Amino acid sequence: MPFAPGHSHQTYGYHRRGVLARLVNCCVAGRGFFFIFYEAFRRLQHPEQVRASVMMWVAAAGVVMNGVIALLLYRSGRSSGRCQLRSALLHEVGDTLSTAAVIAGGWQF
């Protein structure tokens, strides 16, 4: 929508909704940030026992998901050879390996 000047019914013009949406977005994101910060601080004060079996199952699902995405990126990147697809593929391979490392770490518990 092109810029429109304000008038008696919309004193801030047509962009007012966008500004208000950004304000709501910042408030929601800020609230989420403070909740995560509070939970992290609380868990540092009172650590909880790690449930290795749950951690390993979630990581296994992550390995499968990241592996499928990496395979799809590999197949689509072979024909085009675009740099963006190759970098996304390397990112997914890194995610897959790091998630596999979480599974290996869960075996120690």
PDB file of N, CA and C in Angstrom:
ATOM      1  N   MET A   1       0.850  -1.172   0.000  1.00  0.00           N
ATOM      2  CA  MET A   1       0.000   0.000   0.000  1.00  0.00           C
ATOM      3  C   MET A   1       0.894   1.233   0.000  1.00  0.00           C
ATOM      4  N   PRO A   2       0.717   2.143  -0.928  1.00  0.00           N
ATOM      5  CA  PRO A   2       1.554   3.342  -0.976  1.00  0.00           C
ATOM      6  C   PRO A   2       1.258   4.248   0.217  1.00  0.00           C
ATOM      7  N   PHE A   3       2.201   5.123   0.491  1.00  0.00           N
ATOM      8  CA  PHE A   3       2.063   6.044   1.610  1.00  0.00           C
ATOM      9  C   PHE A   3       0.895   6.987   1.365  1.00  0.00           C
ATOM     10  N   ALA A   4       0.073   7.127   2.378  1.00  0.00           N
ATOM     11  CA  ALA A   4      -1.057   8.054   2.286  1.00  0.00           C
ATOM     12  C   ALA A   4      -0.995   9.002   3.474  1.00  0.00           C
ATOM     13  N   PRO A   5      -1.176  10.276   3.251  1.00  0.00           N
ATOM     14  CA  PRO A   5      -1.131  11.224   4.371  1.00  0.00           C
ATOM     15  C   PRO A   5      -2.343  11.032   5.287  1.00  0.00           C
ATOM     16  N   GLY A   6      -2.188  11.463   6.524  1.00  0.00           N
ATOM     17  CA  GLY A   6      -3.273  11.343   7.472  1.00  0.00           C
ATOM     18  C   GLY A   6      -4.413  12.301   7.172  1.00  0.00           C
ATOM     19  N   HIS A   7      -5.575  11.978   7.689  1.00  0.00           N
ATOM     20  CA  HIS A   7      -6.724  12.871   7.576  1.00  0.00           C
ATOM     21  C   HIS A   7      -7.485  12.803   8.883  1.00  0.00           C
ATOM     22  N   SER A   8      -8.683  13.340   8.948  1.00  0.00           N
ATOM     23  CA  SER A   8      -9.388  13.477  10.225  1.00  0.00           C
ATOM     24  C   SER A   8      -9.732  12.139  10.867  1.00  0.00           C
ATOM     25  N   HIS A   9      -9.881  11.059  10.072  1.00  0.00           N
ATOM     26  CA  HIS A   9     -10.217   9.751  10.650  1.00  0.00           C
ATOM     27  C   HIS A   9      -8.978   8.915  10.953  1.00  0.00           C
ATOM     28  N   GLN A  10      -7.922   9.145  10.239  1.00  0.00           N
ATOM     29  CA  GLN A  10      -6.662   8.423  10.464  1.00  0.00           C
ATOM     30  C   GLN A  10      -5.552   9.451  10.582  1.00  0.00           C
ATOM     31  N   THR A  11      -5.318   9.895  11.802  1.00  0.00           N
ATOM     32  CA  THR A  11      -4.375  10.990  11.994  1.00  0.00           C
ATOM     33  C   THR A  11      -2.939  10.588  11.724  1.00  0.00           C
ATOM     34  N   TYR A  12      -2.624   9.296  11.792  1.00  0.00           N
ATOM     35  CA  TYR A  12      -1.258   8.853  11.529  1.00  0.00           C
ATOM     36  C   TYR A  12      -1.122   8.252  10.139  1.00  0.00           C
ATOM     37  N   GLY A  13      -2.119   8.315   9.322  1.00  0.00           N
ATOM     38  CA  GLY A  13      -2.050   7.744   7.983  1.00  0.00           C
ATOM     39  C   GLY A  13      -2.309   6.244   8.022  1.00  0.00           C
ATOM     40  N   TYR A  14      -2.100   5.606   6.897  1.00  0.00           N
ATOM     41  CA  TYR A  14      -2.394   4.174   6.788  1.00  0.00           C
ATOM     42  C   TYR A  14      -1.325   3.299   7.441  1.00  0.00           C
ATOM     43  N   HIS A  15      -0.202   3.861   7.820  1.00  0.00           N
ATOM     44  CA  HIS A  15       0.873   3.076   8.411  1.00  0.00           C
ATOM     45  C   HIS A  15       0.701   2.881   9.917  1.00  0.00           C
ATOM     46  N   ARG A  16      -0.333   3.421  10.503  1.00  0.00           N
ATOM     47  CA  ARG A  16      -0.537   3.320  11.935  1.00  0.00           C
ATOM     48  C   ARG A  16      -0.699   1.872  12.375  1.00  0.00           C
ATOM     49  N   ARG A  17      -1.426   1.069  11.584  1.00  0.00           N
ATOM     50  CA  ARG A  17      -1.620  -0.342  11.937  1.00  0.00           C
ATOM     51  C   ARG A  17      -0.291  -1.085  11.972  1.00  0.00           C
ATOM     52  N   GLY A  18       0.581  -0.772  11.031  1.00  0.00           N
ATOM     53  CA  GLY A  18       1.893  -1.416  11.001  1.00  0.00           C
ATOM     54  C   GLY A  18       2.732  -1.063  12.223  1.00  0.00           C
ATOM     55  N   VAL A  19       2.676   0.192  12.639  1.00  0.00           N
ATOM     56  CA  VAL A  19       3.419   0.616  13.816  1.00  0.00           C
ATOM     57  C   VAL A  19       2.865  -0.061  15.054  1.00  0.00           C
ATOM     58  N   LEU A  20       1.549  -0.135  15.172  1.00  0.00           N
ATOM     59  CA  LEU A  20       0.948  -0.803  16.319  1.00  0.00           C
ATOM     60  C   LEU A  20       1.246  -2.300  16.315  1.00  0.00           C
ATOM     61  N   ALA A  21       1.258  -2.921  15.139  1.00  0.00           N
ATOM     62  CA  ALA A  21       1.599  -4.347  15.061  1.00  0.00           C
ATOM     63  C   ALA A  21       3.045  -4.576  15.497  1.00  0.00           C
ATOM     64  N   ARG A  22       3.943  -3.679  15.123  1.00  0.00           N
ATOM     65  CA  ARG A  22       5.336  -3.812  15.560  1.00  0.00           C
ATOM     66  C   ARG A  22       5.461  -3.627  17.062  1.00  0.00           C
ATOM     67  N   LEU A  23       4.679  -2.715  17.627  1.00  0.00           N
ATOM     68  CA  LEU A  23       4.698  -2.508  19.069  1.00  0.00           C
ATOM     69  C   LEU A  23       4.225  -3.767  19.798  1.00  0.00           C
ATOM     70  N   VAL A  24       3.137  -4.366  19.329  1.00  0.00           N
ATOM     71  CA  VAL A  24       2.636  -5.597  19.947  1.00  0.00           C
ATOM     72  C   VAL A  24       3.666  -6.712  19.800  1.00  0.00           C
ATOM     73  N   ASN A  25       4.296  -6.812  18.636  1.00  0.00           N
ATOM     74  CA  ASN A  25       5.311  -7.831  18.404  1.00  0.00           C
ATOM     75  C   ASN A  25       6.478  -7.661  19.373  1.00  0.00           C
ATOM     76  N   CYS A  26       6.936  -6.436  19.574  1.00  0.00           N
ATOM     77  CA  CYS A  26       8.039  -6.189  20.507  1.00  0.00           C
ATOM     78  C   CYS A  26       7.637  -6.531  21.937  1.00  0.00           C
ATOM     79  N   CYS A  27       6.421  -6.208  22.322  1.00  0.00           N
ATOM     80  CA  CYS A  27       5.964  -6.520  23.675  1.00  0.00           C
ATOM     81  C   CYS A  27       5.888  -8.026  23.903  1.00  0.00           C
ATOM     82  N   VAL A  28       5.376  -8.757  22.926  1.00  0.00           N
ATOM     83  CA  VAL A  28       5.284 -10.213  23.054  1.00  0.00           C
ATOM     84  C   VAL A  28       6.676 -10.831  23.078  1.00  0.00           C
ATOM     85  N   ALA A  29       7.578 -10.364  22.206  1.00  0.00           N
ATOM     86  CA  ALA A  29       8.937 -10.892  22.181  1.00  0.00           C
ATOM     87  C   ALA A  29       9.673 -10.551  23.477  1.00  0.00           C
ATOM     88  N   GLY A  30       9.473  -9.353  23.990  1.00  0.00           N
ATOM     89  CA  GLY A  30      10.098  -8.965  25.251  1.00  0.00           C
ATOM     90  C   GLY A  30       9.604  -9.797  26.412  1.00  0.00           C
ATOM     91  N   ARG A  31       8.321 -10.086  26.418  1.00  0.00           N
ATOM     92  CA  ARG A  31       7.759 -10.934  27.471  1.00  0.00           C
ATOM     93  C   ARG A  31       8.354 -12.339  27.392  1.00  0.00           C
ATOM     94  N   GLY A  32       8.503 -12.849  26.181  1.00  0.00           N
ATOM     95  CA  GLY A  32       9.125 -14.163  26.008  1.00  0.00           C
ATOM     96  C   GLY A  32      10.576 -14.157  26.469  1.00  0.00           C
ATOM     97  N   PHE A  33      11.293 -13.076  26.161  1.00  0.00           N
ATOM     98  CA  PHE A  33      12.680 -12.970  26.597  1.00  0.00           C
ATOM     99  C   PHE A  33      12.775 -13.007  28.114  1.00  0.00           C
ATOM    100  N   PHE A  34      11.948 -12.240  28.801  1.00  0.00           N
ATOM    101  CA  PHE A  34      12.009 -12.214  30.257  1.00  0.00           C
ATOM    102  C   PHE A  34      11.590 -13.550  30.864  1.00  0.00           C
ATOM    103  N   PHE A  35      10.649 -14.255  30.247  1.00  0.00           N
ATOM    104  CA  PHE A  35      10.257 -15.573  30.738  1.00  0.00           C
ATOM    105  C   PHE A  35      11.415 -16.558  30.602  1.00  0.00           C
ATOM    106  N   ILE A  36      12.092 -16.555  29.446  1.00  0.00           N
ATOM    107  CA  ILE A  36      13.232 -17.453  29.243  1.00  0.00           C
ATOM    108  C   ILE A  36      14.361 -17.101  30.210  1.00  0.00           C
ATOM    109  N   PHE A  37      14.624 -15.821  30.397  1.00  0.00           N
ATOM    110  CA  PHE A  37      15.657 -15.392  31.334  1.00  0.00           C
ATOM    111  C   PHE A  37      15.317 -15.840  32.755  1.00  0.00           C
ATOM    112  N   TYR A  38      14.062 -15.687  33.169  1.00  0.00           N
ATOM    113  CA  TYR A  38      13.642 -16.099  34.511  1.00  0.00           C
ATOM    114  C   TYR A  38      13.808 -17.601  34.702  1.00  0.00           C
ATOM    115  N   GLU A  39      13.369 -18.389  33.704  1.00  0.00           N
ATOM    116  CA  GLU A  39      13.498 -19.840  33.806  1.00  0.00           C
ATOM    117  C   GLU A  39      14.961 -20.269  33.844  1.00  0.00           C
ATOM    118  N   ALA A  40      15.810 -19.636  33.050  1.00  0.00           N
ATOM    119  CA  ALA A  40      17.230 -19.977  33.062  1.00  0.00           C
ATOM    120  C   ALA A  40      17.854 -19.653  34.418  1.00  0.00           C
ATOM    121  N   PHE A  41      17.517 -18.503  34.975  1.00  0.00           N
ATOM    122  CA  PHE A  41      18.034 -18.122  36.288  1.00  0.00           C
ATOM    123  C   PHE A  41      17.542 -19.080  37.368  1.00  0.00           C
ATOM    124  N   ARG A  42      16.261 -19.451  37.303  1.00  0.00           N
ATOM    125  CA  ARG A  42      15.690 -20.372  38.290  1.00  0.00           C
ATOM    126  C   ARG A  42      16.360 -21.742  38.202  1.00  0.00           C
ATOM    127  N   ARG A  43      16.622 -22.211  36.991  1.00  0.00           N
ATOM    128  CA  ARG A  43      17.243 -23.528  36.839  1.00  0.00           C
ATOM    129  C   ARG A  43      18.715 -23.508  37.221  1.00  0.00           C
ATOM    130  N   LEU A  44      19.370 -22.357  37.103  1.00  0.00           N
ATOM    131  CA  LEU A  44      20.738 -22.261  37.601  1.00  0.00           C
ATOM    132  C   LEU A  44      20.771 -22.328  39.120  1.00  0.00           C
ATOM    133  N   GLN A  45      19.760 -21.763  39.761  1.00  0.00           N
ATOM    134  CA  GLN A  45      19.689 -21.797  41.218  1.00  0.00           C
ATOM    135  C   GLN A  45      19.300 -23.179  41.734  1.00  0.00           C
ATOM    136  N   HIS A  46      18.404 -23.867  41.029  1.00  0.00           N
ATOM    137  CA  HIS A  46      17.904 -25.188  41.431  1.00  0.00           C
ATOM    138  C   HIS A  46      17.956 -26.115  40.220  1.00  0.00           C
ATOM    139  N   PRO A  47      19.115 -26.723  39.950  1.00  0.00           N
ATOM    140  CA  PRO A  47      19.237 -27.587  38.768  1.00  0.00           C
ATOM    141  C   PRO A  47      18.308 -28.793  38.839  1.00  0.00           C
ATOM    142  N   GLU A  48      17.822 -29.190  37.675  1.00  0.00           N
ATOM    143  CA  GLU A  48      16.953 -30.354  37.589  1.00  0.00           C
ATOM    144  C   GLU A  48      17.727 -31.518  36.985  1.00  0.00           C
ATOM    145  N   GLN A  49      17.304 -32.724  37.323  1.00  0.00           N
ATOM    146  CA  GLN A  49      17.936 -33.922  36.780  1.00  0.00           C
ATOM    147  C   GLN A  49      17.627 -34.040  35.289  1.00  0.00           C
ATOM    148  N   VAL A  50      18.654 -34.357  34.506  1.00  0.00           N
ATOM    149  CA  VAL A  50      18.474 -34.527  33.068  1.00  0.00           C
ATOM    150  C   VAL A  50      17.863 -35.904  32.821  1.00  0.00           C
ATOM    151  N   ARG A  51      16.786 -35.935  32.032  1.00  0.00           N
ATOM    152  CA  ARG A  51      16.177 -37.217  31.650  1.00  0.00           C
ATOM    153  C   ARG A  51      16.776 -37.616  30.305  1.00  0.00           C
ATOM    154  N   ALA A  52      17.780 -38.486  30.391  1.00  0.00           N
ATOM    155  CA  ALA A  52      18.565 -38.832  29.213  1.00  0.00           C
ATOM    156  C   ALA A  52      17.719 -39.516  28.141  1.00  0.00           C
ATOM    157  N   SER A  53      16.752 -40.343  28.543  1.00  0.00           N
ATOM    158  CA  SER A  53      15.967 -41.058  27.533  1.00  0.00           C
ATOM    159  C   SER A  53      15.114 -40.089  26.711  1.00  0.00           C
ATOM    160  N   VAL A  54      14.516 -39.111  27.362  1.00  0.00           N
ATOM    161  CA  VAL A  54      13.711 -38.117  26.636  1.00  0.00           C
ATOM    162  C   VAL A  54      14.617 -37.287  25.732  1.00  0.00           C
ATOM    163  N   MET A  55      15.768 -36.900  26.252  1.00  0.00           N
ATOM    164  CA  MET A  55      16.705 -36.104  25.466  1.00  0.00           C
ATOM    165  C   MET A  55      17.161 -36.864  24.225  1.00  0.00           C
ATOM    166  N   MET A  56      17.420 -38.150  24.367  1.00  0.00           N
ATOM    167  CA  MET A  56      17.892 -38.937  23.238  1.00  0.00           C
ATOM    168  C   MET A  56      16.798 -39.150  22.200  1.00  0.00           C
ATOM    169  N   TRP A  57      15.546 -39.339  22.632  1.00  0.00           N
ATOM    170  CA  TRP A  57      14.437 -39.509  21.671  1.00  0.00           C
ATOM    171  C   TRP A  57      14.195 -38.223  20.892  1.00  0.00           C
ATOM    172  N   VAL A  58      14.233 -37.100  21.571  1.00  0.00           N
ATOM    173  CA  VAL A  58      14.031 -35.822  20.877  1.00  0.00           C
ATOM    174  C   VAL A  58      15.182 -35.568  19.908  1.00  0.00           C
ATOM    175  N   ALA A  59      16.408 -35.884  20.335  1.00  0.00           N
ATOM    176  CA  ALA A  59      17.552 -35.708  19.446  1.00  0.00           C
ATOM    177  C   ALA A  59      17.477 -36.651  18.248  1.00  0.00           C
ATOM    178  N   ALA A  60      16.978 -37.869  18.465  1.00  0.00           N
ATOM    179  CA  ALA A  60      16.833 -38.808  17.345  1.00  0.00           C
ATOM    180  C   ALA A  60      15.834 -38.274  16.321  1.00  0.00           C
ATOM    181  N   ALA A  61      14.743 -37.687  16.815  1.00  0.00           N
ATOM    182  CA  ALA A  61      13.780 -37.076  15.893  1.00  0.00           C
ATOM    183  C   ALA A  61      14.434 -35.916  15.145  1.00  0.00           C
ATOM    184  N   GLY A  62      15.290 -35.160  15.830  1.00  0.00           N
ATOM    185  CA  GLY A  62      16.003 -34.067  15.174  1.00  0.00           C
ATOM    186  C   GLY A  62      16.977 -34.561  14.122  1.00  0.00           C
ATOM    187  N   VAL A  63      17.644 -35.680  14.384  1.00  0.00           N
ATOM    188  CA  VAL A  63      18.564 -36.242  13.402  1.00  0.00           C
ATOM    189  C   VAL A  63      17.806 -36.661  12.150  1.00  0.00           C
ATOM    190  N   VAL A  64      16.661 -37.311  12.351  1.00  0.00           N
ATOM    191  CA  VAL A  64      15.859 -37.745  11.203  1.00  0.00           C
ATOM    192  C   VAL A  64      15.384 -36.537  10.402  1.00  0.00           C
ATOM    193  N   MET A  65      14.835 -35.547  11.093  1.00  0.00           N
ATOM    194  CA  MET A  65      14.312 -34.369  10.412  1.00  0.00           C
ATOM    195  C   MET A  65      15.421 -33.611   9.674  1.00  0.00           C
ATOM    196  N   ASN A  66      16.531 -33.353  10.348  1.00  0.00           N
ATOM    197  CA  ASN A  66      17.635 -32.641   9.706  1.00  0.00           C
ATOM    198  C   ASN A  66      18.238 -33.458   8.576  1.00  0.00           C
ATOM    199  N   GLY A  67      18.286 -34.770   8.742  1.00  0.00           N
ATOM    200  CA  GLY A  67      18.802 -35.628   7.678  1.00  0.00           C
ATOM    201  C   GLY A  67      17.939 -35.584   6.432  1.00  0.00           C
ATOM    202  N   VAL A  68      16.620 -35.607   6.622  1.00  0.00           N
ATOM    203  CA  VAL A  68      15.710 -35.531   5.469  1.00  0.00           C
ATOM    204  C   VAL A  68      15.852 -34.177   4.765  1.00  0.00           C
ATOM    205  N   ILE A  69      15.933 -33.105   5.536  1.00  0.00           N
ATOM    206  CA  ILE A  69      16.098 -31.780   4.940  1.00  0.00           C
ATOM    207  C   ILE A  69      17.423 -31.692   4.192  1.00  0.00           C
ATOM    208  N   ALA A  70      18.481 -32.234   4.782  1.00  0.00           N
ATOM    209  CA  ALA A  70      19.787 -32.214   4.113  1.00  0.00           C
ATOM    210  C   ALA A  70      19.748 -33.022   2.819  1.00  0.00           C
ATOM    211  N   LEU A  71      19.062 -34.168   2.839  1.00  0.00           N
ATOM    212  CA  LEU A  71      18.947 -34.985   1.627  1.00  0.00           C
ATOM    213  C   LEU A  71      18.183 -34.238   0.533  1.00  0.00           C
ATOM    214  N   LEU A  72      17.086 -33.577   0.914  1.00  0.00           N
ATOM    215  CA  LEU A  72      16.325 -32.797  -0.067  1.00  0.00           C
ATOM    216  C   LEU A  72      17.151 -31.646  -0.631  1.00  0.00           C
ATOM    217  N   LEU A  73      17.902 -30.983   0.222  1.00  0.00           N
ATOM    218  CA  LEU A  73      18.760 -29.898  -0.257  1.00  0.00           C
ATOM    219  C   LEU A  73      19.862 -30.427  -1.163  1.00  0.00           C
ATOM    220  N   TYR A  74      20.395 -31.595  -0.838  1.00  0.00           N
ATOM    221  CA  TYR A  74      21.440 -32.178  -1.678  1.00  0.00           C
ATOM    222  C   TYR A  74      20.900 -32.509  -3.062  1.00  0.00           C
ATOM    223  N   ARG A  75      19.713 -33.095  -3.096  1.00  0.00           N
ATOM    224  CA  ARG A  75      19.123 -33.449  -4.394  1.00  0.00           C
ATOM    225  C   ARG A  75      18.789 -32.218  -5.221  1.00  0.00           C
ATOM    226  N   SER A  76      18.271 -31.173  -4.587  1.00  0.00           N
ATOM    227  CA  SER A  76      17.919 -29.983  -5.356  1.00  0.00           C
ATOM    228  C   SER A  76      19.157 -29.154  -5.704  1.00  0.00           C
ATOM    229  N   GLY A  77      20.190 -29.218  -4.895  1.00  0.00           N
ATOM    230  CA  GLY A  77      21.396 -28.442  -5.157  1.00  0.00           C
ATOM    231  C   GLY A  77      22.309 -29.050  -6.184  1.00  0.00           C
ATOM    232  N   ARG A  78      22.173 -30.366  -6.432  1.00  0.00           N
ATOM    233  CA  ARG A  78      23.014 -31.022  -7.424  1.00  0.00           C
ATOM    234  C   ARG A  78      22.777 -30.467  -8.816  1.00  0.00           C
ATOM    235  N   SER A  79      21.522 -30.206  -9.120  1.00  0.00           N
ATOM    236  CA  SER A  79      21.209 -29.753 -10.479  1.00  0.00           C
ATOM    237  C   SER A  79      21.477 -28.257 -10.668  1.00  0.00           C
ATOM    238  N   SER A  80      21.276 -27.467  -9.625  1.00  0.00           N
ATOM    239  CA  SER A  80      21.412 -26.022  -9.818  1.00  0.00           C
ATOM    240  C   SER A  80      22.808 -25.516  -9.486  1.00  0.00           C
ATOM    241  N   GLY A  81      23.433 -26.060  -8.439  1.00  0.00           N
ATOM    242  CA  GLY A  81      24.769 -25.623  -8.072  1.00  0.00           C
ATOM    243  C   GLY A  81      24.820 -24.231  -7.476  1.00  0.00           C
ATOM    244  N   ARG A  82      23.705 -23.743  -6.946  1.00  0.00           N
ATOM    245  CA  ARG A  82      23.673 -22.392  -6.384  1.00  0.00           C
ATOM    246  C   ARG A  82      24.363 -22.360  -5.026  1.00  0.00           C
ATOM    247  N   CYS A  83      25.007 -21.269  -4.754  1.00  0.00           N
ATOM    248  CA  CYS A  83      25.770 -21.102  -3.516  1.00  0.00           C
ATOM    249  C   CYS A  83      24.855 -21.128  -2.285  1.00  0.00           C
ATOM    250  N   GLN A  84      23.658 -20.548  -2.387  1.00  0.00           N
ATOM    251  CA  GLN A  84      22.742 -20.517  -1.252  1.00  0.00           C
ATOM    252  C   GLN A  84      22.314 -21.921  -0.852  1.00  0.00           C
ATOM    253  N   LEU A  85      22.064 -22.775  -1.844  1.00  0.00           N
ATOM    254  CA  LEU A  85      21.657 -24.146  -1.527  1.00  0.00           C
ATOM    255  C   LEU A  85      22.808 -24.921  -0.902  1.00  0.00           C
ATOM    256  N   ARG A  86      24.020 -24.700  -1.384  1.00  0.00           N
ATOM    257  CA  ARG A  86      25.164 -25.388  -0.797  1.00  0.00           C
ATOM    258  C   ARG A  86      25.395 -24.945   0.643  1.00  0.00           C
ATOM    259  N   SER A  87      25.247 -23.655   0.909  1.00  0.00           N
ATOM    260  CA  SER A  87      25.442 -23.181   2.280  1.00  0.00           C
ATOM    261  C   SER A  87      24.333 -23.689   3.194  1.00  0.00           C
ATOM    262  N   ALA A  88      23.100 -23.769   2.694  1.00  0.00           N
ATOM    263  CA  ALA A  88      22.012 -24.333   3.493  1.00  0.00           C
ATOM    264  C   ALA A  88      22.250 -25.812   3.753  1.00  0.00           C
ATOM    265  N   LEU A  89      22.779 -26.519   2.764  1.00  0.00           N
ATOM    266  CA  LEU A  89      23.098 -27.940   2.941  1.00  0.00           C
ATOM    267  C   LEU A  89      24.172 -28.118   4.008  1.00  0.00           C
ATOM    268  N   LEU A  90      25.235 -27.331   3.958  1.00  0.00           N
ATOM    269  CA  LEU A  90      26.276 -27.429   4.978  1.00  0.00           C
ATOM    270  C   LEU A  90      25.738 -27.108   6.367  1.00  0.00           C
ATOM    271  N   HIS A  91      24.834 -26.149   6.448  1.00  0.00           N
ATOM    272  CA  HIS A  91      24.213 -25.806   7.728  1.00  0.00           C
ATOM    273  C   HIS A  91      23.416 -26.986   8.268  1.00  0.00           C
ATOM    274  N   GLU A  92      22.636 -27.622   7.419  1.00  0.00           N
ATOM    275  CA  GLU A  92      21.829 -28.774   7.847  1.00  0.00           C
ATOM    276  C   GLU A  92      22.705 -29.965   8.233  1.00  0.00           C
ATOM    277  N   VAL A  93      23.783 -30.177   7.507  1.00  0.00           N
ATOM    278  CA  VAL A  93      24.699 -31.271   7.873  1.00  0.00           C
ATOM    279  C   VAL A  93      25.309 -30.986   9.246  1.00  0.00           C
ATOM    280  N   GLY A  94      25.677 -29.742   9.501  1.00  0.00           N
ATOM    281  CA  GLY A  94      26.189 -29.370  10.819  1.00  0.00           C
ATOM    282  C   GLY A  94      25.160 -29.579  11.916  1.00  0.00           C
ATOM    283  N   ASP A  95      23.907 -29.205  11.643  1.00  0.00           N
ATOM    284  CA  ASP A  95      22.838 -29.435  12.617  1.00  0.00           C
ATOM    285  C   ASP A  95      22.643 -30.926  12.877  1.00  0.00           C
ATOM    286  N   THR A  96      22.699 -31.726  11.827  1.00  0.00           N
ATOM    287  CA  THR A  96      22.526 -33.172  11.980  1.00  0.00           C
ATOM    288  C   THR A  96      23.646 -33.751  12.836  1.00  0.00           C
ATOM    289  N   LEU A  97      24.880 -33.339  12.582  1.00  0.00           N
ATOM    290  CA  LEU A  97      26.006 -33.851  13.366  1.00  0.00           C
ATOM    291  C   LEU A  97      25.943 -33.399  14.824  1.00  0.00           C
ATOM    292  N   SER A  98      25.546 -32.159  15.059  1.00  0.00           N
ATOM    293  CA  SER A  98      25.460 -31.687  16.448  1.00  0.00           C
ATOM    294  C   SER A  98      24.329 -32.379  17.195  1.00  0.00           C
ATOM    295  N   THR A  99      23.236 -32.682  16.514  1.00  0.00           N
ATOM    296  CA  THR A  99      22.150 -33.407  17.156  1.00  0.00           C
ATOM    297  C   THR A  99      22.563 -34.852  17.433  1.00  0.00           C
ATOM    298  N   ALA A 100      23.335 -35.430  16.537  1.00  0.00           N
ATOM    299  CA  ALA A 100      23.872 -36.771  16.786  1.00  0.00           C
ATOM    300  C   ALA A 100      24.810 -36.755  17.990  1.00  0.00           C
ATOM    301  N   ALA A 101      25.552 -35.676  18.178  1.00  0.00           N
ATOM    302  CA  ALA A 101      26.425 -35.551  19.350  1.00  0.00           C
ATOM    303  C   ALA A 101      25.612 -35.480  20.641  1.00  0.00           C
ATOM    304  N   VAL A 102      24.417 -34.915  20.585  1.00  0.00           N
ATOM    305  CA  VAL A 102      23.541 -34.897  21.758  1.00  0.00           C
ATOM    306  C   VAL A 102      23.140 -36.323  22.131  1.00  0.00           C
ATOM    307  N   ILE A 103      22.871 -37.147  21.135  1.00  0.00           N
ATOM    308  CA  ILE A 103      22.543 -38.546  21.408  1.00  0.00           C
ATOM    309  C   ILE A 103      23.729 -39.244  22.061  1.00  0.00           C
ATOM    310  N   ALA A 104      24.927 -38.997  21.538  1.00  0.00           N
ATOM    311  CA  ALA A 104      26.115 -39.607  22.131  1.00  0.00           C
ATOM    312  C   ALA A 104      26.320 -39.124  23.560  1.00  0.00           C
ATOM    313  N   GLY A 105      26.028 -37.863  23.825  1.00  0.00           N
ATOM    314  CA  GLY A 105      26.139 -37.342  25.186  1.00  0.00           C
ATOM    315  C   GLY A 105      25.102 -37.938  26.114  1.00  0.00           C
ATOM    316  N   GLY A 106      23.941 -38.271  25.591  1.00  0.00           N
ATOM    317  CA  GLY A 106      22.902 -38.878  26.419  1.00  0.00           C
ATOM    318  C   GLY A 106      23.258 -40.288  26.853  1.00  0.00           C
ATOM    319  N   TRP A 107      24.149 -40.961  26.125  1.00  0.00           N
ATOM    320  CA  TRP A 107      24.556 -42.314  26.491  1.00  0.00           C
ATOM    321  C   TRP A 107      25.397 -42.332  27.756  1.00  0.00           C
ATOM    322  N   GLN A 108      25.995 -41.207  28.106  1.00  0.00           N
ATOM    323  CA  GLN A 108      26.848 -41.158  29.289  1.00  0.00           C
ATOM    324  C   GLN A 108      26.041 -41.140  30.582  1.00  0.00           C
ATOM    325  N   PHE A 109      24.790 -40.772  30.521  1.00  0.00           N
ATOM    326  CA  PHE A 109      23.992 -40.686  31.742  1.00  0.00           C
ATOM    327  C   PHE A 109      23.530 -42.020  32.138  1.00  0.00           C
TER     328      PHE A 109
END
